[in-house]
Amino acid sequence: MKFQIEHTNTFYYDNFVDQSMNHIRLKPRTDECQRLLAYRTEITPGSMTKEHIDLWGNHVETFFIPEKHEHLTLKTTSTVSIQKSPFIRMIECSSEMQTIFHSELFRHHYLAYLNETPYTFLYKEQHEEIINEVGDAKDPIRFSLRLMEYINQSIRYDTTTTQVNTKAYESWPIRGGVCQDYAHIMIGVLRSQGVPARYVSGYLYVGEDSALVGDAATHAWVEVMVPGIGWVGLDPTNNVEALEQHIRIGTGRDYADVSPLQGVYRGGGQNLDVKVSVTLLDQ
C-alpha cells in the first residue's frame, strides 16, 4: 500500500520570539517492510535543516531561526510504501524460541528495551493487578496478545484526561488516555515480565467507515521482540496488529526518544496547532 502524509505544525507565540532552535523526528523510516519514496520539509520563516541519525536509528532534522517571528510553521510531506502481512496470531512459540527468550544473551542484547523508564513506570500493585487478569508470560506471543486486548478493553480513548508528560502509573488509575498512554502501560507490563518492548511513533491510516482511532496527529503503538521473528507491531489503542495501515517514523524506549518536536526559543508562551492528513494512493 502507498500513502501520502501531510503533517503541519503551527506554533503561535504570545509575542515575538527569536533564536529558535528545533529538532524534529517526522521523517518515516525505510526498512524491510516500509520504504520511504519521497520526503519534503517546508519551514516558515525559511530555514535549512541538518539531518543526522540518532542512537535508535531515527531521522532527526535540526534547524535554527535567528530572526524574530510571531509564528512558526513546519510542514512535512511524505510518500511511503508498506508491504506487511499478518502473522503473529498464527505463530506458535516453539521450544527453541522459548530457550532464546529465557537466555541471558537475549536479555543482555535487548537490555535497553527491558529497563524501566519514567514514562513506562508502574507501581508493583498495578503490575500485579494487570498480570492477575492477563496471566503469566511463559509464552511471550500469547501473553503480548492477551495484554494488548486487556489494555484496549480497560482504557477508554479520551483526549481530555492526560497530557504529553503523563506517566503510565498516572494514566492506568484514570482508565483513560490516548495512544501514548496505551503504549506506555503495555510496554511497562511487558518489560516487567522480561519481554523486550519498544515505543513506536508514526501515522495511522483509518480510511472510510473504520473503527480505528488515533489518526488526528501522530499515532503510537508497541513493538515486541519475538525470538526468531524480530520486532512485531501491536496497537493496544485499537487491539490490532500494526500492519499496512501503520506508518512508522521512529522507535525508542518511550515517547521521550521519539518526540516529534523538540525545541527552545527566547520569548513568551505558545500555542500549537497540528494537522495530519494520511491519503491512500495505491493498494
Protein backbone atom coordinates (compact mmCIF):
# COMPACT_ATOMS: atom_id res chain seq x y z
CA MET A 1 0.00 0.00 0.00
CA LYS A 2 1.21 3.51 -0.83
CA PHE A 3 0.36 6.56 1.26
CA GLN A 4 0.95 10.30 1.22
CA ILE A 5 1.17 12.03 4.58
CA GLU A 6 0.91 15.77 5.11
CA HIS A 7 1.77 16.91 8.61
CA THR A 8 1.58 20.60 9.55
CA ASN A 9 2.61 22.05 12.91
CA THR A 10 1.99 25.75 13.51
CA PHE A 11 3.31 27.48 16.62
CA TYR A 12 1.60 30.72 17.62
CA TYR A 13 3.62 32.78 20.10
CA ASP A 14 2.24 35.27 22.62
CA ASN A 15 4.78 37.83 21.37
CA PHE A 16 7.82 37.97 19.14
CA VAL A 17 10.42 35.27 19.81
CA ASP A 18 13.89 34.78 18.42
CA GLN A 19 16.82 32.38 18.40
CA SER A 20 14.59 29.36 17.85
CA MET A 21 16.45 26.02 17.78
CA ASN A 22 14.37 22.96 16.89
CA HIS A 23 14.76 19.20 16.46
CA ILE A 24 12.12 17.20 14.57
CA ARG A 25 11.55 13.47 14.10
CA LEU A 26 8.96 13.33 11.33
CA LYS A 27 10.76 11.52 8.51
CA PRO A 28 9.40 7.96 8.07
CA ARG A 29 11.80 5.05 8.13
CA THR A 30 12.93 2.73 5.38
CA ASP A 31 13.28 -0.91 6.45
CA GLU A 32 12.33 -4.44 5.40
CA CYS A 33 8.59 -3.68 5.47
CA GLN A 34 8.43 0.03 4.69
CA ARG A 35 10.02 2.20 2.02
CA LEU A 36 10.21 5.99 2.03
CA LEU A 37 9.66 7.13 -1.56
CA ALA A 38 9.67 10.92 -1.10
CA TYR A 39 10.02 13.43 1.71
CA ARG A 40 9.97 17.21 1.91
CA THR A 41 10.21 19.71 4.77
CA GLU A 42 8.87 23.27 4.45
CA ILE A 43 9.62 25.80 7.21
CA THR A 44 8.27 29.34 7.65
CA PRO A 45 10.22 31.54 8.42
CA GLY A 46 12.57 29.89 5.98
CA SER A 47 15.37 27.73 7.32
CA MET A 48 17.56 24.87 6.15
CA THR A 49 17.67 21.60 8.08
CA LYS A 50 20.63 19.45 9.03
CA GLU A 51 19.94 15.74 9.41
CA HIS A 52 21.51 13.00 11.49
CA ILE A 53 20.56 9.50 12.70
CA ASP A 54 20.13 9.16 16.46
CA LEU A 55 21.07 6.27 18.76
CA TRP A 56 17.80 4.44 17.99
CA GLY A 57 18.07 4.72 14.21
CA ASN A 58 15.63 7.61 13.83
CA HIS A 59 15.99 10.51 11.40
CA VAL A 60 16.49 13.80 13.27
CA GLU A 61 16.36 17.16 11.49
CA THR A 62 17.70 20.27 13.20
CA PHE A 63 17.08 23.87 12.17
CA PHE A 64 17.75 27.32 13.60
CA ILE A 65 15.78 30.56 13.10
CA PRO A 66 17.76 33.59 14.31
CA GLU A 67 15.32 36.38 13.39
CA LYS A 68 12.28 37.46 15.37
CA HIS A 69 8.98 35.78 14.46
CA GLU A 70 5.42 35.58 15.80
CA HIS A 71 4.65 32.14 14.43
CA LEU A 72 6.48 29.10 13.10
CA THR A 73 5.00 26.72 10.53
CA LEU A 74 6.56 23.35 9.85
CA LYS A 75 5.07 21.17 7.12
CA THR A 76 6.35 17.75 6.09
CA THR A 77 5.09 15.76 3.11
CA SER A 78 5.95 12.07 2.86
CA THR A 79 5.20 9.29 0.40
CA VAL A 80 5.56 5.80 1.85
CA SER A 81 5.06 2.27 0.53
CA ILE A 82 4.29 -0.53 3.00
CA GLN A 83 4.19 -4.27 2.47
CA LYS A 84 3.40 -6.33 5.53
CA SER A 85 1.30 -9.43 6.19
CA PRO A 86 -0.36 -10.51 9.46
CA PHE A 87 1.31 -13.47 11.09
CA ILE A 88 1.80 -13.19 14.85
CA ARG A 89 -1.58 -14.70 15.76
CA MET A 90 -0.67 -17.78 13.71
CA ILE A 91 2.77 -18.30 15.29
CA GLU A 92 3.28 -20.89 17.98
CA CYS A 93 6.09 -20.26 20.44
CA SER A 94 8.39 -23.25 19.87
CA SER A 95 10.73 -24.75 22.45
CA GLU A 96 13.66 -23.21 20.54
CA MET A 97 12.04 -19.76 20.76
CA GLN A 98 11.40 -20.30 24.47
CA THR A 99 15.06 -21.17 25.02
CA ILE A 100 16.20 -18.00 23.27
CA PHE A 101 13.65 -15.87 25.10
CA HIS A 102 14.83 -17.04 28.51
CA SER A 103 18.57 -16.89 27.72
CA GLU A 104 20.93 -14.37 29.32
CA LEU A 105 22.35 -13.49 25.89
CA PHE A 106 18.90 -12.49 24.62
CA ARG A 107 18.24 -10.43 27.73
CA HIS A 108 21.58 -8.60 27.57
CA HIS A 109 21.19 -7.86 23.87
CA TYR A 110 17.81 -6.16 24.37
CA LEU A 111 18.51 -4.68 27.80
CA ALA A 112 17.64 -1.15 26.64
CA TYR A 113 14.11 -2.38 25.91
CA LEU A 114 13.78 -4.24 29.21
CA ASN A 115 14.71 -1.45 31.60
CA GLU A 116 12.06 0.68 33.22
CA THR A 117 11.83 4.34 32.19
CA PRO A 118 9.97 7.28 33.80
CA TYR A 119 7.21 7.08 31.17
CA THR A 120 6.70 3.30 31.49
CA PHE A 121 6.91 3.09 35.29
CA LEU A 122 4.06 1.27 37.07
CA TYR A 123 3.74 0.55 40.77
CA LYS A 124 4.12 -3.06 41.94
CA GLU A 125 0.43 -3.33 42.80
CA GLN A 126 -0.50 -2.03 39.35
CA HIS A 127 1.65 -4.69 37.71
CA GLU A 128 0.09 -7.36 39.89
CA GLU A 129 -3.42 -6.18 39.09
CA ILE A 130 -2.80 -6.47 35.35
CA ILE A 131 -0.85 -9.77 35.49
CA ASN A 132 -3.59 -11.35 37.61
CA GLU A 133 -6.03 -10.65 34.78
CA VAL A 134 -3.75 -11.43 31.82
CA GLY A 135 -1.76 -14.41 33.11
CA ASP A 136 1.94 -15.19 33.00
CA ALA A 137 4.39 -14.65 30.15
CA LYS A 138 5.64 -18.20 29.67
CA ASP A 139 4.53 -17.85 26.05
CA PRO A 140 5.58 -14.26 25.16
CA ILE A 141 3.50 -14.23 21.97
CA ARG A 142 0.18 -15.21 23.57
CA PHE A 143 0.95 -13.02 26.58
CA SER A 144 1.52 -9.96 24.37
CA LEU A 145 -1.73 -10.54 22.52
CA ARG A 146 -3.72 -11.05 25.74
CA LEU A 147 -2.15 -7.97 27.26
CA MET A 148 -2.96 -5.85 24.21
CA GLU A 149 -6.60 -6.90 24.34
CA TYR A 150 -6.88 -6.35 28.09
CA ILE A 151 -5.42 -2.84 27.95
CA ASN A 152 -7.65 -1.99 25.00
CA GLN A 153 -10.74 -3.10 26.92
CA SER A 154 -9.67 -1.47 30.19
CA ILE A 155 -8.93 2.05 28.92
CA ARG A 156 -11.25 4.45 27.14
CA TYR A 157 -9.82 6.64 24.39
CA ASP A 158 -10.14 10.17 25.76
CA THR A 159 -8.05 13.15 24.67
CA THR A 160 -9.00 15.21 27.74
CA THR A 161 -7.72 13.02 30.61
CA THR A 162 -3.93 13.03 30.12
CA GLN A 163 -1.11 15.26 28.91
CA VAL A 164 2.03 14.63 26.87
CA ASN A 165 4.06 14.23 30.08
CA THR A 166 1.64 11.77 31.78
CA LYS A 167 3.33 8.59 33.00
CA ALA A 168 1.95 5.04 32.88
CA TYR A 169 1.38 4.86 36.65
CA GLU A 170 -0.73 8.03 36.38
CA SER A 171 -2.86 7.06 33.39
CA TRP A 172 -3.67 3.50 34.50
CA PRO A 173 -5.84 4.53 37.52
CA ILE A 174 -7.68 7.02 35.32
CA ARG A 175 -8.55 4.26 32.84
CA GLY A 176 -8.48 6.86 30.09
CA GLY A 177 -5.98 8.41 27.73
CA VAL A 178 -4.59 8.49 24.22
CA CYS A 179 -2.38 6.16 22.20
CA GLN A 180 0.74 7.30 24.05
CA ASP A 181 -0.78 6.16 27.35
CA TYR A 182 -1.91 2.79 25.97
CA ALA A 183 1.59 2.17 24.63
CA HIS A 184 3.44 3.16 27.81
CA ILE A 185 1.26 0.96 30.02
CA MET A 186 1.67 -2.03 27.72
CA ILE A 187 5.45 -1.54 27.47
CA GLY A 188 5.78 -1.26 31.24
CA VAL A 189 3.99 -4.57 31.81
CA LEU A 190 5.83 -6.39 29.01
CA ARG A 191 9.23 -5.34 30.35
CA SER A 192 8.30 -6.38 33.90
CA GLN A 193 7.78 -9.89 32.52
CA GLY A 194 11.08 -9.94 30.61
CA VAL A 195 9.58 -9.26 27.17
CA PRO A 196 11.64 -6.70 25.19
CA ALA A 197 9.32 -3.93 24.01
CA ARG A 198 9.82 -0.56 22.34
CA TYR A 199 7.72 2.51 21.67
CA VAL A 200 6.80 3.36 18.07
CA SER A 201 5.78 6.76 16.75
CA GLY A 202 4.11 7.07 13.35
CA TYR A 203 0.91 7.64 11.46
CA LEU A 204 -2.29 5.63 11.16
CA TYR A 205 -4.46 5.37 8.07
CA VAL A 206 -8.05 4.76 9.12
CA GLY A 207 -9.80 5.08 5.75
CA GLU A 208 -13.57 5.30 5.47
CA ASP A 209 -16.01 3.58 7.82
CA SER A 210 -13.17 2.40 10.05
CA ALA A 211 -13.37 1.73 13.79
CA LEU A 212 -9.67 2.59 14.24
CA VAL A 213 -8.80 5.67 16.31
CA GLY A 214 -5.65 7.74 16.59
CA ASP A 215 -5.27 9.49 13.25
CA ALA A 216 -5.75 13.10 14.41
CA ALA A 217 -1.99 13.55 14.92
CA THR A 218 0.96 11.19 15.19
CA HIS A 219 -0.02 7.73 16.45
CA ALA A 220 1.82 5.46 18.89
CA TRP A 221 1.98 1.71 19.35
CA VAL A 222 4.27 -1.05 20.64
CA GLU A 223 6.78 -3.42 19.06
CA VAL A 224 7.65 -6.68 20.78
CA MET A 225 10.82 -8.66 20.07
CA VAL A 226 9.81 -12.23 19.22
CA PRO A 227 12.75 -14.68 19.19
CA GLY A 228 13.45 -15.94 15.69
CA ILE A 229 10.94 -13.50 14.15
CA GLY A 230 12.02 -9.95 15.01
CA TRP A 231 10.12 -6.84 16.04
CA VAL A 232 6.36 -7.27 15.79
CA GLY A 233 3.98 -4.30 15.99
CA LEU A 234 0.92 -4.35 18.27
CA ASP A 235 -1.50 -1.44 18.61
CA PRO A 236 -3.24 -1.56 22.02
CA THR A 237 -5.30 1.56 21.24
CA ASN A 238 -7.12 -0.43 18.54
CA ASN A 239 -6.35 -4.03 19.61
CA VAL A 240 -4.84 -4.87 16.22
CA GLU A 241 -1.51 -5.82 14.75
CA ALA A 242 0.41 -2.87 13.34
CA LEU A 243 0.34 -3.73 9.66
CA GLU A 244 -0.11 -1.89 6.34
CA GLN A 245 -2.09 0.95 7.90
CA HIS A 246 0.63 1.79 10.42
CA ILE A 247 3.35 4.06 9.03
CA ARG A 248 6.48 4.07 11.19
CA ILE A 249 8.51 7.21 11.89
CA GLY A 250 10.69 6.27 14.84
CA THR A 251 11.27 3.80 17.66
CA GLY A 252 12.74 4.14 21.13
CA ARG A 253 12.42 3.24 24.78
CA ASP A 254 9.44 5.58 25.26
CA TYR A 255 7.94 8.84 24.00
CA ALA A 256 10.99 10.86 25.08
CA ASP A 257 13.16 9.07 22.49
CA VAL A 258 10.81 9.73 19.56
CA SER A 259 9.17 13.05 20.43
CA PRO A 260 8.28 14.55 17.02
CA LEU A 261 9.04 18.14 18.05
CA GLN A 262 11.62 19.46 20.48
CA GLY A 263 12.94 22.98 20.66
CA VAL A 264 13.99 26.02 22.63
CA TYR A 265 13.48 29.70 21.94
CA ARG A 266 13.75 33.07 23.63
CA GLY A 267 10.38 34.67 24.26
CA GLY A 268 6.92 34.12 25.79
CA GLY A 269 4.31 31.39 25.73
CA GLN A 270 2.99 29.48 22.73
CA ASN A 271 0.06 27.52 21.32
CA LEU A 272 0.44 24.64 18.89
CA ASP A 273 -1.96 23.67 16.10
CA VAL A 274 -1.45 20.24 14.50
CA LYS A 275 -2.99 18.93 11.29
CA VAL A 276 -2.31 15.46 9.87
CA SER A 277 -3.70 14.02 6.64
CA VAL A 278 -2.99 10.44 5.51
CA THR A 279 -4.13 9.63 1.96
CA LEU A 280 -4.15 6.21 0.32
CA LEU A 281 -2.52 6.50 -3.12
CA ASP A 282 -2.36 2.87 -4.22
CA GLN A 283 -3.20 -0.54 -2.79
